[in-house]
Amino acid sequence: MLIAPNVDGAPELAKLVDGIGPSISSIVSGNQVTDLTSRAHAHGLEVHPYTLRIDDLPKGIPTPDELMHLLFDEAKVDALFTDFPDVTVNWLMKVEKP
């Protein structure tokens, strides 16, 4: 389910769904993260952005590793849609979260 980045209807949405699937550009702008994930989490919603493509990274993000750092470590997304699961799994294994 895709919702607008402002999460205005999050309290009502949280009664119906477990999470949201916004575009990566709603969470990462340049090399900064937005507060979309923290606002969704505040309403109990998981965040699974779409779609990581290593051949089409957002402007200002030089590598897939940098994008995943911003998404997982900075924005704290719960999961990620990707066309390159091997790259994501390798990154997750490399950084090995506690």
N, C-alpha and C. Protein backbone atom coordinates (compact mmCIF):
# COMPACT_ATOMS: atom_id res chain seq x y z
N MET A 1 0.84 -1.17 0.00
CA MET A 1 0.00 0.00 0.00
C MET A 1 0.88 1.23 0.00
N LEU A 2 0.62 2.15 -0.88
CA LEU A 2 1.39 3.38 -0.98
C LEU A 2 0.58 4.52 -0.38
N ILE A 3 1.20 5.30 0.49
CA ILE A 3 0.53 6.48 1.01
C ILE A 3 1.42 7.68 0.79
N ALA A 4 0.85 8.85 0.90
CA ALA A 4 1.62 10.07 0.72
C ALA A 4 2.66 10.20 1.81
N PRO A 5 3.80 10.84 1.49
CA PRO A 5 4.88 10.94 2.47
C PRO A 5 4.54 11.70 3.74
N ASN A 6 3.41 12.40 3.79
CA ASN A 6 3.10 13.17 4.99
C ASN A 6 2.46 12.34 6.11
N VAL A 7 2.05 11.14 5.85
CA VAL A 7 1.49 10.20 6.83
C VAL A 7 0.35 10.83 7.64
N ASP A 8 -0.41 11.71 7.04
CA ASP A 8 -1.51 12.36 7.75
C ASP A 8 -2.54 11.38 8.27
N GLY A 9 -2.84 10.35 7.52
CA GLY A 9 -3.85 9.39 7.93
C GLY A 9 -3.30 8.19 8.66
N ALA A 10 -2.10 8.30 9.19
CA ALA A 10 -1.44 7.15 9.82
C ALA A 10 -2.23 6.52 10.96
N PRO A 11 -2.84 7.29 11.87
CA PRO A 11 -3.58 6.63 12.95
C PRO A 11 -4.72 5.75 12.43
N GLU A 12 -5.45 6.22 11.44
CA GLU A 12 -6.54 5.43 10.87
C GLU A 12 -5.98 4.27 10.06
N LEU A 13 -4.90 4.53 9.32
CA LEU A 13 -4.29 3.50 8.50
C LEU A 13 -3.77 2.36 9.37
N ALA A 14 -3.21 2.69 10.52
CA ALA A 14 -2.64 1.67 11.43
C ALA A 14 -3.71 0.71 11.95
N LYS A 15 -4.97 1.09 11.88
CA LYS A 15 -6.05 0.19 12.29
C LYS A 15 -6.33 -0.87 11.22
N LEU A 16 -5.85 -0.60 9.99
CA LEU A 16 -6.17 -1.47 8.86
C LEU A 16 -4.98 -2.26 8.32
N VAL A 17 -3.78 -1.70 8.44
CA VAL A 17 -2.60 -2.34 7.84
C VAL A 17 -1.45 -2.39 8.84
N ASP A 18 -0.48 -3.21 8.53
CA ASP A 18 0.69 -3.34 9.40
C ASP A 18 1.85 -2.45 8.97
N GLY A 19 1.83 -1.98 7.72
CA GLY A 19 2.95 -1.19 7.26
C GLY A 19 2.65 -0.45 5.98
N ILE A 20 3.64 0.34 5.56
CA ILE A 20 3.52 1.12 4.33
C ILE A 20 4.70 0.79 3.41
N GLY A 21 4.51 1.04 2.14
CA GLY A 21 5.54 0.80 1.13
C GLY A 21 5.78 2.04 0.30
N PRO A 22 6.41 3.05 0.87
CA PRO A 22 6.67 4.29 0.13
C PRO A 22 7.87 4.14 -0.82
N SER A 23 8.00 5.05 -1.74
CA SER A 23 9.18 5.04 -2.60
C SER A 23 10.42 5.41 -1.78
N ILE A 24 11.56 4.95 -2.24
CA ILE A 24 12.81 5.29 -1.56
C ILE A 24 12.99 6.81 -1.51
N SER A 25 12.56 7.51 -2.56
CA SER A 25 12.72 8.96 -2.60
C SER A 25 11.89 9.68 -1.53
N SER A 26 10.92 8.99 -0.95
CA SER A 26 10.15 9.56 0.16
C SER A 26 10.92 9.48 1.48
N ILE A 27 11.96 8.65 1.49
CA ILE A 27 12.73 8.43 2.71
C ILE A 27 14.14 9.01 2.62
N VAL A 28 14.71 8.98 1.42
CA VAL A 28 16.06 9.52 1.21
C VAL A 28 15.97 10.62 0.18
N SER A 29 16.46 11.80 0.57
CA SER A 29 16.48 12.95 -0.33
C SER A 29 17.91 13.46 -0.36
N GLY A 30 18.57 13.30 -1.51
CA GLY A 30 20.00 13.60 -1.57
C GLY A 30 20.71 12.61 -0.68
N ASN A 31 21.53 13.10 0.23
CA ASN A 31 22.18 12.17 1.17
C ASN A 31 21.63 12.36 2.58
N GLN A 32 20.39 12.82 2.67
CA GLN A 32 19.70 13.03 3.93
C GLN A 32 18.48 12.12 4.00
N VAL A 33 18.08 11.77 5.22
CA VAL A 33 16.85 11.00 5.37
C VAL A 33 15.74 11.91 5.86
N THR A 34 14.52 11.60 5.44
CA THR A 34 13.36 12.34 5.91
C THR A 34 12.87 11.70 7.21
N ASP A 35 11.85 12.27 7.79
CA ASP A 35 11.30 11.71 9.03
C ASP A 35 10.10 10.79 8.78
N LEU A 36 9.88 10.38 7.54
CA LEU A 36 8.73 9.53 7.22
C LEU A 36 8.75 8.24 8.04
N THR A 37 9.88 7.57 8.11
CA THR A 37 9.95 6.30 8.83
C THR A 37 9.65 6.49 10.31
N SER A 38 10.25 7.49 10.92
CA SER A 38 10.00 7.69 12.36
C SER A 38 8.55 8.05 12.62
N ARG A 39 7.93 8.81 11.73
CA ARG A 39 6.51 9.13 11.93
C ARG A 39 5.63 7.91 11.73
N ALA A 40 5.96 7.07 10.77
CA ALA A 40 5.19 5.84 10.57
C ALA A 40 5.37 4.91 11.76
N HIS A 41 6.62 4.77 12.23
CA HIS A 41 6.89 3.92 13.40
C HIS A 41 6.14 4.42 14.64
N ALA A 42 5.99 5.71 14.77
CA ALA A 42 5.27 6.27 15.92
C ALA A 42 3.82 5.81 15.97
N HIS A 43 3.30 5.37 14.83
CA HIS A 43 1.92 4.86 14.76
C HIS A 43 1.88 3.34 14.64
N GLY A 44 3.03 2.70 14.88
CA GLY A 44 3.08 1.25 14.85
C GLY A 44 3.15 0.64 13.45
N LEU A 45 3.46 1.45 12.46
CA LEU A 45 3.53 0.95 11.08
C LEU A 45 4.96 0.59 10.71
N GLU A 46 5.14 -0.55 10.06
CA GLU A 46 6.43 -0.91 9.50
C GLU A 46 6.61 -0.15 8.18
N VAL A 47 7.87 0.02 7.78
CA VAL A 47 8.17 0.74 6.55
C VAL A 47 9.06 -0.14 5.67
N HIS A 48 8.55 -0.42 4.45
CA HIS A 48 9.25 -1.25 3.47
C HIS A 48 9.32 -0.46 2.17
N PRO A 49 10.34 0.37 1.97
CA PRO A 49 10.40 1.18 0.75
C PRO A 49 10.71 0.35 -0.50
N TYR A 50 10.36 0.91 -1.64
CA TYR A 50 10.60 0.26 -2.92
C TYR A 50 11.40 1.19 -3.82
N THR A 51 11.99 0.78 -4.80
CA THR A 51 12.63 -0.47 -5.08
C THR A 51 14.11 -0.17 -5.27
N LEU A 52 14.96 -0.86 -4.52
CA LEU A 52 16.40 -0.68 -4.68
C LEU A 52 16.84 -1.28 -6.00
N ARG A 53 17.43 -0.45 -6.83
CA ARG A 53 18.05 -0.89 -8.08
C ARG A 53 19.46 -0.33 -8.10
N ILE A 54 20.45 -1.20 -8.18
CA ILE A 54 21.83 -0.71 -8.15
C ILE A 54 22.20 0.04 -9.43
N ASP A 55 21.41 -0.14 -10.48
CA ASP A 55 21.66 0.58 -11.72
C ASP A 55 20.83 1.87 -11.82
N ASP A 56 20.12 2.22 -10.76
CA ASP A 56 19.30 3.43 -10.76
C ASP A 56 19.21 3.98 -9.34
N LEU A 57 20.35 4.37 -8.78
CA LEU A 57 20.40 4.91 -7.42
C LEU A 57 19.87 6.33 -7.40
N PRO A 58 19.34 6.78 -6.27
CA PRO A 58 18.88 8.17 -6.16
C PRO A 58 20.04 9.14 -6.38
N LYS A 59 19.73 10.31 -6.88
CA LYS A 59 20.75 11.35 -7.07
C LYS A 59 21.45 11.64 -5.75
N GLY A 60 22.77 11.77 -5.82
CA GLY A 60 23.54 12.09 -4.63
C GLY A 60 23.98 10.88 -3.83
N ILE A 61 23.54 9.69 -4.23
CA ILE A 61 23.93 8.45 -3.52
C ILE A 61 24.86 7.68 -4.46
N PRO A 62 26.16 7.63 -4.12
CA PRO A 62 27.13 7.05 -5.05
C PRO A 62 27.15 5.52 -5.12
N THR A 63 26.73 4.83 -4.05
CA THR A 63 26.83 3.37 -4.04
C THR A 63 25.61 2.75 -3.38
N PRO A 64 25.32 1.49 -3.69
CA PRO A 64 24.24 0.79 -2.99
C PRO A 64 24.51 0.72 -1.48
N ASP A 65 25.77 0.54 -1.10
CA ASP A 65 26.11 0.48 0.33
C ASP A 65 25.71 1.76 1.05
N GLU A 66 25.96 2.90 0.43
CA GLU A 66 25.58 4.18 1.04
C GLU A 66 24.06 4.29 1.16
N LEU A 67 23.34 3.86 0.14
CA LEU A 67 21.88 3.92 0.20
C LEU A 67 21.35 3.02 1.30
N MET A 68 21.87 1.81 1.40
CA MET A 68 21.38 0.90 2.44
C MET A 68 21.76 1.40 3.82
N HIS A 69 22.92 2.04 3.95
CA HIS A 69 23.28 2.66 5.23
C HIS A 69 22.24 3.72 5.61
N LEU A 70 21.89 4.57 4.66
CA LEU A 70 20.90 5.60 4.94
C LEU A 70 19.54 4.99 5.29
N LEU A 71 19.13 3.98 4.54
CA LEU A 71 17.81 3.38 4.78
C LEU A 71 17.76 2.59 6.08
N PHE A 72 18.71 1.68 6.29
CA PHE A 72 18.65 0.80 7.46
C PHE A 72 19.21 1.44 8.73
N ASP A 73 20.35 2.11 8.62
CA ASP A 73 21.01 2.64 9.82
C ASP A 73 20.49 4.01 10.24
N GLU A 74 20.21 4.86 9.27
CA GLU A 74 19.77 6.22 9.59
C GLU A 74 18.25 6.32 9.69
N ALA A 75 17.56 5.90 8.64
CA ALA A 75 16.09 6.03 8.62
C ALA A 75 15.42 4.92 9.42
N LYS A 76 16.09 3.79 9.60
CA LYS A 76 15.57 2.65 10.38
C LYS A 76 14.38 1.96 9.71
N VAL A 77 14.45 1.79 8.38
CA VAL A 77 13.39 1.05 7.71
C VAL A 77 13.40 -0.39 8.19
N ASP A 78 12.28 -1.07 8.06
CA ASP A 78 12.13 -2.44 8.54
C ASP A 78 12.52 -3.48 7.51
N ALA A 79 12.37 -3.15 6.25
CA ALA A 79 12.68 -4.06 5.15
C ALA A 79 12.79 -3.24 3.89
N LEU A 80 13.06 -3.91 2.78
CA LEU A 80 13.31 -3.18 1.54
C LEU A 80 12.92 -4.04 0.35
N PHE A 81 12.18 -3.48 -0.59
CA PHE A 81 11.94 -4.14 -1.86
C PHE A 81 13.15 -3.88 -2.74
N THR A 82 13.63 -4.92 -3.42
CA THR A 82 14.81 -4.77 -4.27
C THR A 82 14.78 -5.72 -5.44
N ASP A 83 15.40 -5.30 -6.52
CA ASP A 83 15.59 -6.19 -7.66
C ASP A 83 16.95 -6.88 -7.58
N PHE A 84 17.69 -6.58 -6.51
CA PHE A 84 19.03 -7.13 -6.32
C PHE A 84 19.16 -7.67 -4.90
N PRO A 85 18.44 -8.74 -4.57
CA PRO A 85 18.46 -9.26 -3.21
C PRO A 85 19.85 -9.70 -2.75
N ASP A 86 20.67 -10.18 -3.68
CA ASP A 86 22.02 -10.61 -3.30
C ASP A 86 22.84 -9.45 -2.74
N VAL A 87 22.70 -8.28 -3.33
CA VAL A 87 23.44 -7.10 -2.86
C VAL A 87 22.96 -6.71 -1.47
N THR A 88 21.67 -6.73 -1.26
CA THR A 88 21.11 -6.36 0.04
C THR A 88 21.50 -7.38 1.11
N VAL A 89 21.37 -8.65 0.82
CA VAL A 89 21.73 -9.69 1.79
C VAL A 89 23.22 -9.60 2.13
N ASN A 90 24.06 -9.42 1.13
CA ASN A 90 25.50 -9.29 1.40
C ASN A 90 25.79 -8.09 2.29
N TRP A 91 25.12 -6.98 2.06
CA TRP A 91 25.32 -5.80 2.91
C TRP A 91 24.86 -6.08 4.33
N LEU A 92 23.70 -6.66 4.47
CA LEU A 92 23.18 -6.96 5.80
C LEU A 92 24.09 -7.93 6.56
N MET A 93 24.63 -8.91 5.86
CA MET A 93 25.54 -9.86 6.50
C MET A 93 26.87 -9.19 6.87
N LYS A 94 27.31 -8.27 6.03
CA LYS A 94 28.57 -7.58 6.27
C LYS A 94 28.49 -6.69 7.50
N VAL A 95 27.40 -5.99 7.67
CA VAL A 95 27.29 -5.06 8.78
C VAL A 95 26.77 -5.74 10.04
N GLU A 96 26.23 -6.94 9.90
CA GLU A 96 25.75 -7.77 11.01
C GLU A 96 25.21 -6.96 12.19
N LYS A 97 23.93 -6.73 12.15
CA LYS A 97 23.25 -5.97 13.19
C LYS A 97 23.17 -6.78 14.48
N PRO A 98 23.28 -6.10 15.65
CA PRO A 98 23.17 -6.82 16.94
C PRO A 98 21.77 -7.35 17.19
